[in-house]
Amino acid sequence: MPFKVARILLGLVFPFLPGLSTAASKPNILLIVADDMGHGDLSCFGSRQIATPNIDALAATGIRATTGYVSGAVCAPSRAGLMTGRYQERFGFEHNLAPSFPTVAPEALAVPKDERMMPAYLKEAGYATALIGKWHLGGSKVDWHHPLARGFDYYFGRYGGHGHFPTVKSKSILRGREPVTRIAIPYTTDWYTQEAIDFIDRTPAEQPWFLYLAHDTPHSPLQAKEEDIARFKHIKDKKRRIYAAMQHCLDENIGKLVAHLKIKGQLDNTLIVFLSDNGGPTTNNASVNAPFNGQKALVLDGGVRVPYIFSWPAKLAAGETYHEPFIALDLLPTFLAAAGIDRKIVEKKPLDGVNLLPYLKGERKGQAPHETLYWRILMRSAGIRDGDWKLIRLDDRPPLLFDLRNDISEQNDIASKHPDKVRELMKKLHDWECSAERPPSFLGNLSYMRRHSELYDLDYQITQPE
């Protein structure tokens, strides 16, 4: 009898043998990330304008988390933290990639080679691993920047650029390391979903899989199918109308994927996590982050607080809501725990995240996964949440202080009333910054510095549109 088959059979008969981990005991893991989605643009998170029945149904099978954060306020840094389980500032990755800077070596425009990523951990534990969609963690000219060199068995998508109706001529869509030679499905949201289904179908039944489905919607350019736009003809603002259509298409595709898992009998033992990579850029794609102030690129909650859904019917209760603060860095330790992987054995560098499963299961009621969370975009702004206190440090003015317990929309700066708290949080933030292991490897567009500060002065929609 082949060793692999014998090991699986032993695991079925003696599922609690120490150190024996089988595919049958490991969940599949599906990580779905939307791109630039507004916190308030799902009906299960309060939208009155955009119905998302399939995402709502996913939330009904599991846990809707209301105080989940990402570690970066823009796309690439957020994904760097997500994939490594470490604050991306530790390894110098805190701006979006800027390949136009001639002074930066191409090798530096990526998550460093010695930073281990989520798929590498899971692949070693026997998982089939795939990335479908947006990568944005390394340039295409260096071999080890490629997803296939970072732990993924299969890759279909693009390095970073957008445009939801791709062409062969653009060579932007890759299968593995090569551009596609045929556009099989004209709209990327639909195409990514079909690729996801195909990956699941060709993975052997006895092998668990990890799928990182990184949709590039509803990131600009605002492009949607005409039939979806027609559903929202009652919305007068053209940008908002197309954005809503993109959200509808995303919802339809998530419903299609979940339905496929159910048909295959895999839904119960699949841990599904859904989130956005950062807050919606309201001035760009007409997204709504209500009730939170701010937008993408800012460390106000509108830039870094995103909707989360956790669904694992075999292990997590259905229809629950979780309110304690946590961060995307927690997903890697959570996946390791779900897969039965001993974090202490595989962890080469200290992870900043914690395993969320005991919290989501209600085993640690009254306890928060983290007391303190941090953010920074060098030469832009930085922030710290400590309990219910939130401090934001800007380059062109004194720090801002908010009491999130009484001011969820960050409308009332109370720094002048609590100078001791400001000093305390400034010191904590500085100490965290001093813990970085590398200086920043590259900066963002320098011309954006002034615009970034000005974004803090805008008025943002903190109530839902009808």
Protein backbone atom coordinates (compact mmCIF):
# COMPACT_ATOMS: atom_id res chain seq x y z
CA MET A 1 0.00 0.00 0.00
CA PRO A 2 1.48 3.40 -0.96
CA PHE A 3 2.65 5.40 2.06
CA LYS A 4 0.41 8.36 1.25
CA VAL A 5 -2.73 6.20 1.10
CA ALA A 6 -1.76 4.34 4.29
CA ARG A 7 -1.22 7.64 6.08
CA ILE A 8 -4.66 8.89 5.06
CA LEU A 9 -6.33 5.66 6.22
CA LEU A 10 -4.50 5.79 9.55
CA GLY A 11 -5.68 9.34 10.01
CA LEU A 12 -9.28 8.30 9.41
CA VAL A 13 -9.08 5.45 11.91
CA PHE A 14 -6.96 7.28 14.51
CA PRO A 15 -7.69 10.97 13.91
CA PHE A 16 -6.14 12.08 17.20
CA LEU A 17 -2.75 10.41 16.89
CA PRO A 18 -0.12 13.03 17.85
CA GLY A 19 1.63 14.52 14.87
CA LEU A 20 -0.56 12.71 12.33
CA SER A 21 -2.23 15.21 10.01
CA THR A 22 -4.22 14.03 7.00
CA ALA A 23 -5.97 15.73 4.12
CA ALA A 24 -9.26 14.44 5.49
CA SER A 25 -8.72 16.42 8.71
CA LYS A 26 -7.55 19.63 7.08
CA PRO A 27 -9.98 22.22 5.80
CA ASN A 28 -9.75 23.78 2.40
CA ILE A 29 -8.99 27.50 2.73
CA LEU A 30 -10.53 30.09 0.43
CA LEU A 31 -9.30 33.67 0.89
CA ILE A 32 -11.34 36.17 -1.16
CA VAL A 33 -10.05 39.75 -1.32
CA ALA A 34 -11.93 42.58 -3.01
CA ASP A 35 -9.94 45.57 -4.25
CA ASP A 36 -10.71 49.12 -3.05
CA MET A 37 -14.19 48.19 -1.81
CA GLY A 38 -16.00 50.59 0.47
CA HIS A 39 -16.83 49.33 3.96
CA GLY A 40 -20.44 50.42 3.53
CA ASP A 41 -21.02 48.83 0.12
CA LEU A 42 -22.33 45.43 1.20
CA SER A 43 -25.94 45.12 2.30
CA CYS A 44 -24.87 42.94 5.26
CA PHE A 45 -22.69 45.88 6.36
CA GLY A 46 -25.39 48.50 6.01
CA SER A 47 -25.69 49.42 2.32
CA ARG A 48 -29.18 50.56 1.35
CA GLN A 49 -28.22 51.10 -2.26
CA ILE A 50 -26.29 47.98 -3.28
CA ALA A 51 -27.85 44.59 -2.57
CA THR A 52 -25.33 41.77 -2.12
CA PRO A 53 -27.52 38.73 -1.37
CA ASN A 54 -24.82 36.11 -2.00
CA ILE A 55 -22.26 37.77 0.25
CA ASP A 56 -25.02 38.26 2.81
CA ALA A 57 -25.79 34.54 2.58
CA LEU A 58 -22.11 33.75 3.16
CA ALA A 59 -22.19 35.92 6.28
CA ALA A 60 -25.32 34.09 7.44
CA THR A 61 -23.39 30.79 7.36
CA GLY A 62 -20.66 32.19 9.58
CA ILE A 63 -19.42 35.31 11.35
CA ARG A 64 -19.63 38.94 10.33
CA ALA A 65 -16.74 40.86 11.90
CA THR A 66 -17.31 44.58 12.36
CA THR A 67 -13.93 45.76 13.71
CA GLY A 68 -11.46 44.15 11.34
CA TYR A 69 -8.51 46.12 10.00
CA VAL A 70 -5.86 45.71 7.33
CA SER A 71 -2.22 46.58 7.98
CA GLY A 72 -1.87 48.97 5.04
CA ALA A 73 -4.03 51.79 3.72
CA VAL A 74 -3.11 51.07 0.08
CA CYS A 75 -3.10 47.92 -2.02
CA ALA A 76 0.44 46.52 -2.10
CA PRO A 77 1.49 47.11 1.54
CA SER A 78 -1.83 45.70 2.74
CA ARG A 79 -1.25 42.53 0.70
CA ALA A 80 2.35 42.29 1.92
CA GLY A 81 1.16 42.19 5.52
CA LEU A 82 -1.65 39.79 4.68
CA MET A 83 0.62 37.29 2.96
CA THR A 84 3.43 37.35 5.55
CA GLY A 85 1.52 37.75 8.81
CA ARG A 86 4.00 40.51 9.68
CA TYR A 87 3.73 44.28 9.68
CA GLN A 88 5.13 45.15 6.26
CA GLU A 89 7.05 48.05 7.79
CA ARG A 90 9.30 45.44 9.42
CA PHE A 91 10.75 44.59 6.02
CA GLY A 92 10.56 47.99 4.34
CA PHE A 93 7.40 47.55 2.21
CA GLU A 94 5.01 50.39 3.07
CA HIS A 95 4.22 52.13 -0.23
CA ASN A 96 2.70 50.93 -3.45
CA LEU A 97 5.32 49.70 -5.88
CA ALA A 98 6.95 52.53 -7.80
CA PRO A 99 9.06 51.03 -10.61
CA SER A 100 9.51 54.48 -12.16
CA PHE A 101 12.14 55.39 -9.55
CA PRO A 102 15.52 54.83 -11.31
CA THR A 103 17.44 54.88 -8.02
CA VAL A 104 15.73 51.76 -6.70
CA ALA A 105 17.21 48.39 -7.65
CA PRO A 106 14.58 46.17 -9.32
CA GLU A 107 15.16 43.47 -6.71
CA ALA A 108 13.94 45.85 -3.99
CA LEU A 109 10.52 46.30 -5.58
CA ALA A 110 9.01 43.26 -3.90
CA VAL A 111 8.45 41.52 -0.61
CA PRO A 112 12.04 40.51 0.29
CA LYS A 113 13.09 37.03 -0.70
CA ASP A 114 13.67 35.94 2.89
CA GLU A 115 10.11 36.79 3.98
CA ARG A 116 8.00 33.63 3.99
CA MET A 117 4.48 33.89 2.59
CA MET A 118 1.19 32.21 3.39
CA PRO A 119 1.18 29.67 0.53
CA ALA A 120 4.69 28.44 1.39
CA TYR A 121 3.56 27.39 4.87
CA LEU A 122 0.49 25.60 3.53
CA LYS A 123 2.26 23.97 0.61
CA GLU A 124 4.72 22.33 2.99
CA ALA A 125 1.73 20.90 4.86
CA GLY A 126 0.42 19.20 1.73
CA TYR A 127 -1.92 21.86 0.38
CA ALA A 128 -2.38 22.57 -3.31
CA THR A 129 -1.96 26.35 -3.57
CA ALA A 130 -3.20 28.85 -6.13
CA LEU A 131 -3.37 32.59 -6.65
CA ILE A 132 -6.02 33.81 -9.06
CA GLY A 133 -6.23 37.55 -9.63
CA LYS A 134 -4.06 40.45 -8.50
CA TRP A 135 -0.54 39.86 -7.14
CA HIS A 136 1.07 43.32 -6.63
CA LEU A 137 3.92 42.04 -4.47
CA GLY A 138 6.78 41.96 -6.94
CA GLY A 139 7.81 43.16 -10.40
CA SER A 140 7.80 40.87 -13.40
CA LYS A 141 11.49 41.24 -14.34
CA VAL A 142 12.94 39.33 -11.39
CA ASP A 143 12.30 35.59 -11.28
CA TRP A 144 11.79 35.24 -7.52
CA HIS A 145 9.21 38.05 -7.55
CA HIS A 146 6.77 35.71 -9.29
CA PRO A 147 3.97 34.03 -7.30
CA LEU A 148 5.20 30.61 -8.46
CA ALA A 149 8.48 31.34 -6.67
CA ARG A 150 6.73 32.31 -3.42
CA GLY A 151 4.76 29.15 -2.67
CA PHE A 152 1.95 29.07 -5.20
CA ASP A 153 1.55 25.98 -7.39
CA TYR A 154 -0.70 27.79 -9.85
CA TYR A 155 -1.05 31.41 -10.88
CA PHE A 156 -3.56 33.12 -13.14
CA GLY A 157 -3.95 36.88 -13.11
CA ARG A 158 -1.86 40.00 -13.31
CA TYR A 159 0.95 41.59 -11.41
CA GLY A 160 -0.88 44.78 -10.53
CA GLY A 161 -2.47 46.74 -13.36
CA HIS A 162 -6.20 46.96 -13.89
CA GLY A 163 -8.74 47.10 -16.66
CA HIS A 164 -11.64 44.71 -16.40
CA PHE A 165 -11.99 43.91 -20.12
CA PRO A 166 -8.48 42.57 -20.88
CA THR A 167 -7.01 42.06 -24.33
CA VAL A 168 -4.41 39.61 -25.63
CA LYS A 169 -2.41 42.53 -26.99
CA SER A 170 -1.92 44.05 -23.53
CA LYS A 171 -0.23 40.84 -22.29
CA SER A 172 -1.46 41.77 -18.82
CA ILE A 173 -3.10 38.45 -17.94
CA LEU A 174 -0.65 35.66 -17.14
CA ARG A 175 -1.19 31.95 -16.80
CA GLY A 176 1.86 30.84 -14.91
CA ARG A 177 4.69 32.89 -16.33
CA GLU A 178 3.27 33.42 -19.82
CA PRO A 179 0.68 35.89 -21.15
CA VAL A 180 -2.57 34.29 -22.26
CA THR A 181 -3.07 33.96 -26.01
CA ARG A 182 -6.86 33.90 -25.88
CA ILE A 183 -9.47 35.80 -23.87
CA ALA A 184 -11.72 32.96 -22.76
CA ILE A 185 -14.11 35.13 -20.72
CA PRO A 186 -14.24 38.88 -21.48
CA TYR A 187 -14.74 40.25 -17.94
CA THR A 188 -12.06 39.52 -15.34
CA THR A 189 -14.41 39.02 -12.36
CA ASP A 190 -16.20 36.26 -14.27
CA TRP A 191 -12.97 34.81 -15.61
CA TYR A 192 -11.27 34.66 -12.22
CA THR A 193 -14.26 32.79 -10.78
CA GLN A 194 -14.16 30.19 -13.54
CA GLU A 195 -10.43 29.75 -13.01
CA ALA A 196 -11.09 29.27 -9.30
CA ILE A 197 -13.69 26.58 -10.03
CA ASP A 198 -11.33 24.84 -12.45
CA PHE A 199 -8.54 24.81 -9.84
CA ILE A 200 -10.84 23.30 -7.23
CA ASP A 201 -12.09 20.67 -9.67
CA ARG A 202 -8.65 19.48 -10.73
CA THR A 203 -7.28 19.26 -7.18
CA PRO A 204 -7.38 15.59 -6.05
CA ALA A 205 -10.19 14.89 -3.61
CA GLU A 206 -7.74 13.65 -0.99
CA GLN A 207 -5.66 16.83 -1.09
CA PRO A 208 -6.64 20.04 0.74
CA TRP A 209 -6.30 23.27 -1.19
CA PHE A 210 -5.57 26.92 -0.46
CA LEU A 211 -6.97 29.42 -2.95
CA TYR A 212 -6.16 33.13 -2.77
CA LEU A 213 -8.82 34.69 -5.00
CA ALA A 214 -7.69 38.31 -5.34
CA HIS A 215 -10.36 40.09 -7.36
CA ASP A 216 -9.39 43.41 -8.94
CA THR A 217 -12.89 44.80 -8.58
CA PRO A 218 -14.20 47.38 -7.71
CA HIS A 219 -10.82 49.12 -8.25
CA SER A 220 -10.81 51.73 -11.01
CA PRO A 221 -11.08 52.01 -13.94
CA LEU A 222 -14.81 51.87 -13.42
CA GLN A 223 -15.86 49.27 -16.00
CA ALA A 224 -18.87 46.98 -15.81
CA LYS A 225 -20.99 44.84 -18.08
CA GLU A 226 -23.87 46.72 -19.69
CA GLU A 227 -26.50 44.36 -18.27
CA ASP A 228 -25.19 45.01 -14.76
CA ILE A 229 -25.11 48.78 -15.25
CA ALA A 230 -28.74 48.64 -16.39
CA ARG A 231 -29.74 47.25 -12.99
CA PHE A 232 -28.72 50.52 -11.38
CA LYS A 233 -30.09 53.04 -13.87
CA HIS A 234 -31.95 54.69 -10.97
CA ILE A 235 -28.62 55.90 -9.52
CA LYS A 236 -28.02 59.33 -11.02
CA ASP A 237 -24.28 59.57 -10.41
CA LYS A 238 -22.57 57.73 -13.28
CA LYS A 239 -19.51 56.68 -11.28
CA ARG A 240 -21.64 55.35 -8.45
CA ARG A 241 -23.87 53.53 -10.95
CA ILE A 242 -20.95 51.68 -12.54
CA TYR A 243 -19.40 50.99 -9.13
CA ALA A 244 -22.68 49.42 -7.96
CA ALA A 245 -22.74 47.27 -11.09
CA MET A 246 -19.23 46.03 -10.34
CA GLN A 247 -20.27 45.17 -6.79
CA HIS A 248 -23.28 43.28 -8.13
CA CYS A 249 -21.06 41.24 -10.44
CA LEU A 250 -18.66 40.45 -7.58
CA ASP A 251 -21.59 39.28 -5.46
CA GLU A 252 -22.95 37.09 -8.25
CA ASN A 253 -19.56 35.43 -8.71
CA ILE A 254 -19.06 34.75 -5.02
CA GLY A 255 -22.48 33.11 -5.02
CA LYS A 256 -21.48 30.97 -8.00
CA LEU A 257 -18.27 29.83 -6.30
CA VAL A 258 -19.95 29.01 -2.98
CA ALA A 259 -22.69 27.10 -4.80
CA HIS A 260 -20.01 25.05 -6.58
CA LEU A 261 -18.38 24.14 -3.27
CA LYS A 262 -21.76 23.01 -1.98
CA ILE A 263 -22.38 20.84 -5.04
CA LYS A 264 -18.98 19.20 -4.59
CA GLY A 265 -19.68 18.54 -0.92
CA GLN A 266 -16.73 20.73 0.13
CA LEU A 267 -18.50 23.71 1.64
CA ASP A 268 -18.76 22.42 5.22
CA ASN A 269 -15.02 21.85 5.52
CA THR A 270 -13.88 24.98 3.70
CA LEU A 271 -12.75 27.97 5.75
CA ILE A 272 -13.77 31.02 3.72
CA VAL A 273 -12.57 34.51 4.59
CA PHE A 274 -13.77 37.56 2.67
CA LEU A 275 -12.41 41.10 3.04
CA SER A 276 -11.25 44.16 1.11
CA ASP A 277 -7.57 45.08 0.78
CA ASN A 278 -8.21 48.61 2.13
CA GLY A 279 -10.96 51.16 2.41
CA GLY A 280 -12.68 52.54 -0.63
CA PRO A 281 -11.08 55.54 -2.43
CA THR A 282 -14.29 57.52 -2.32
CA THR A 283 -12.99 60.40 -4.42
CA ASN A 284 -11.94 58.01 -7.16
CA ASN A 285 -14.42 55.13 -7.49
CA ALA A 286 -17.53 56.54 -5.73
CA SER A 287 -17.32 53.97 -2.94
CA VAL A 288 -18.85 54.59 0.49
CA ASN A 289 -17.07 53.79 3.76
CA ALA A 290 -19.94 54.84 6.03
CA PRO A 291 -20.08 55.08 8.96
CA PHE A 292 -16.31 55.57 8.93
CA ASN A 293 -14.44 58.75 8.11
CA GLY A 294 -11.74 58.90 5.44
CA GLN A 295 -10.77 56.78 2.49
CA LYS A 296 -8.03 54.63 0.99
CA ALA A 297 -4.48 55.91 1.70
CA LEU A 298 -5.50 57.49 5.02
CA VAL A 299 -5.13 55.86 8.41
CA LEU A 300 -8.53 57.10 9.46
CA ASP A 301 -10.80 54.07 9.88
CA GLY A 302 -12.27 54.68 6.42
CA GLY A 303 -8.86 53.76 4.99
CA VAL A 304 -7.91 50.74 7.10
CA ARG A 305 -11.10 49.27 8.60
CA VAL A 306 -12.71 46.79 6.21
CA PRO A 307 -15.61 44.32 6.26
CA TYR A 308 -14.73 40.70 7.12
CA ILE A 309 -16.73 37.51 6.82
CA PHE A 310 -15.59 34.16 8.23
CA SER A 311 -17.44 31.01 7.19
CA TRP A 312 -16.52 27.45 8.14
CA PRO A 313 -19.78 25.52 8.67
CA ALA A 314 -18.04 22.52 10.24
CA LYS A 315 -16.36 24.62 12.95
CA LEU A 316 -17.82 28.12 13.27
CA ALA A 317 -21.30 29.10 14.40
CA ALA A 318 -23.67 30.60 11.86
CA GLY A 319 -25.19 34.05 11.95
CA GLU A 320 -22.86 35.48 14.59
CA THR A 321 -21.27 38.93 14.79
CA TYR A 322 -17.81 39.58 16.20
CA HIS A 323 -16.93 43.07 17.44
CA GLU A 324 -13.39 42.99 18.89
CA PRO A 325 -10.55 44.65 16.93
CA PHE A 326 -8.20 42.44 14.92
CA ILE A 327 -6.03 42.81 11.81
CA ALA A 328 -5.30 40.99 8.54
CA LEU A 329 -1.97 39.85 10.01
CA ASP A 330 -4.06 37.41 12.06
CA LEU A 331 -5.20 35.42 9.04
CA LEU A 332 -1.93 33.53 8.52
CA PRO A 333 -1.78 32.23 12.13
CA THR A 334 -5.50 31.41 11.89
CA PHE A 335 -4.96 29.37 8.73
CA LEU A 336 -1.99 27.57 10.28
CA ALA A 337 -4.10 26.63 13.28
CA ALA A 338 -7.01 25.49 11.12
CA ALA A 339 -4.65 23.29 9.11
CA GLY A 340 -3.15 21.77 12.25
CA ILE A 341 0.29 23.29 11.58
CA ASP A 342 2.44 23.95 14.64
CA ARG A 343 3.28 27.62 14.36
CA LYS A 344 6.27 27.31 16.69
CA ILE A 345 7.89 24.77 14.38
CA VAL A 346 7.35 26.51 11.04
CA GLU A 347 7.74 30.15 12.08
CA LYS A 348 11.15 31.38 10.90
CA LYS A 349 10.55 35.01 11.85
CA PRO A 350 8.14 36.24 14.53
CA LEU A 351 4.62 36.74 13.23
CA ASP A 352 2.63 39.73 14.41
CA GLY A 353 -0.75 38.04 14.07
CA VAL A 354 -2.63 35.70 16.40
CA ASN A 355 -4.90 32.72 15.81
CA LEU A 356 -8.45 34.09 15.69
CA LEU A 357 -10.28 30.77 15.98
CA PRO A 358 -10.62 30.78 19.80
CA TYR A 359 -12.03 34.30 19.60
CA LEU A 360 -14.42 33.56 16.76
CA LYS A 361 -15.64 30.43 18.56
CA GLY A 362 -16.43 32.42 21.68
CA GLU A 363 -13.79 30.67 23.78
CA ARG A 364 -12.23 34.00 24.81
CA LYS A 365 -15.21 36.21 25.42
CA GLY A 366 -14.32 39.62 26.74
CA GLN A 367 -10.77 39.34 25.45
CA ALA A 368 -9.47 41.20 22.39
CA PRO A 369 -6.94 39.57 20.06
CA HIS A 370 -4.85 42.77 20.24
CA GLU A 371 -4.68 45.67 22.62
CA THR A 372 -2.72 47.82 20.16
CA LEU A 373 -2.62 48.06 16.35
CA TYR A 374 -0.32 50.20 14.18
CA TRP A 375 -0.18 51.75 10.71
CA ARG A 376 2.32 53.85 8.78
CA ILE A 377 2.97 55.18 5.31
CA LEU A 378 6.32 56.94 5.56
CA MET A 379 6.23 60.64 4.61
CA ARG A 380 2.43 60.50 4.65
CA SER A 381 0.87 59.58 8.00
CA ALA A 382 0.90 57.01 10.78
CA GLY A 383 -1.59 55.78 13.33
CA ILE A 384 -2.12 53.69 16.44
CA ARG A 385 -5.25 52.18 17.96
CA ASP A 386 -4.80 51.38 21.65
CA GLY A 387 -7.98 50.02 23.18
CA ASP A 388 -10.60 52.52 22.04
CA TRP A 389 -8.10 55.37 21.64
CA LYS A 390 -6.97 56.22 18.12
CA LEU A 391 -4.10 58.61 17.40
CA ILE A 392 -3.10 59.80 13.93
CA ARG A 393 0.25 61.48 13.29
CA LEU A 394 0.47 63.74 10.24
CA ASP A 395 3.45 65.51 8.72
CA ASP A 396 1.89 68.97 8.44
CA ARG A 397 0.00 69.43 11.74
CA PRO A 398 -0.23 68.30 15.36
CA PRO A 399 -1.47 64.73 15.99
CA LEU A 400 -5.18 63.91 16.08
CA LEU A 401 -6.81 61.91 18.87
CA PHE A 402 -10.18 60.14 18.79
CA ASP A 403 -12.22 58.13 21.26
CA LEU A 404 -13.69 55.38 19.08
CA ARG A 405 -16.03 54.17 21.80
CA ASN A 406 -17.94 57.44 21.63
CA ASP A 407 -16.90 58.68 18.18
CA ILE A 408 -16.91 55.80 15.71
CA SER A 409 -16.78 58.21 12.77
CA GLU A 410 -13.68 60.07 14.02
CA GLN A 411 -15.37 63.46 13.89
CA ASN A 412 -14.09 65.02 17.11
CA ASP A 413 -10.37 65.55 17.61
CA ILE A 414 -9.83 65.63 21.37
CA ALA A 415 -6.01 65.80 21.41
CA SER A 416 -5.98 69.17 23.17
CA LYS A 417 -8.09 67.76 26.02
CA HIS A 418 -5.84 64.73 26.61
CA PRO A 419 -2.19 65.79 26.21
CA ASP A 420 -0.94 62.94 28.42
CA LYS A 421 -2.70 60.35 26.29
CA VAL A 422 -1.28 61.94 23.13
CA ARG A 423 2.23 61.73 24.55
CA GLU A 424 1.71 58.12 25.66
CA LEU A 425 0.46 57.00 22.25
CA MET A 426 3.11 58.96 20.36
CA LYS A 427 5.74 57.12 22.42
CA LYS A 428 4.13 53.73 21.73
CA LEU A 429 3.98 54.49 18.02
CA HIS A 430 7.61 55.59 17.99
CA ASP A 431 8.74 52.46 19.86
CA TRP A 432 6.93 50.30 17.31
CA GLU A 433 8.61 52.16 14.45
CA CYS A 434 12.00 51.55 16.06
CA SER A 435 11.31 47.80 16.01
CA ALA A 436 11.50 47.65 12.18
CA GLU A 437 14.15 45.29 10.84
CA ARG A 438 14.76 47.12 7.55
CA PRO A 439 14.45 50.74 6.42
CA PRO A 440 11.88 51.42 3.69
CA SER A 441 12.97 49.87 0.40
CA PHE A 442 11.18 52.43 -1.78
CA LEU A 443 8.83 55.38 -1.54
CA GLY A 444 5.61 56.26 -3.28
CA ASN A 445 5.07 59.10 -5.69
CA LEU A 446 6.58 62.18 -4.01
CA SER A 447 4.19 64.54 -5.80
CA TYR A 448 1.35 62.90 -3.88
CA MET A 449 2.58 64.13 -0.49
CA ARG A 450 0.63 67.40 -0.51
CA ARG A 451 -2.48 65.74 -1.93
CA HIS A 452 -2.30 63.11 0.81
CA SER A 453 -2.44 65.76 3.54
CA GLU A 454 -5.30 67.52 1.79
CA LEU A 455 -7.33 64.32 1.79
CA TYR A 456 -7.50 64.51 5.57
CA ASP A 457 -9.35 67.81 5.29
CA LEU A 458 -12.17 66.57 3.05
CA ASP A 459 -15.68 65.83 4.29
CA TYR A 460 -16.56 62.16 3.82
CA GLN A 461 -19.98 60.55 3.63
CA ILE A 462 -20.58 58.84 6.98
CA THR A 463 -24.25 57.98 6.39
CA GLN A 464 -25.59 55.51 3.87
CA PRO A 465 -27.09 56.84 0.61
CA GLU A 466 -30.67 55.75 -0.01
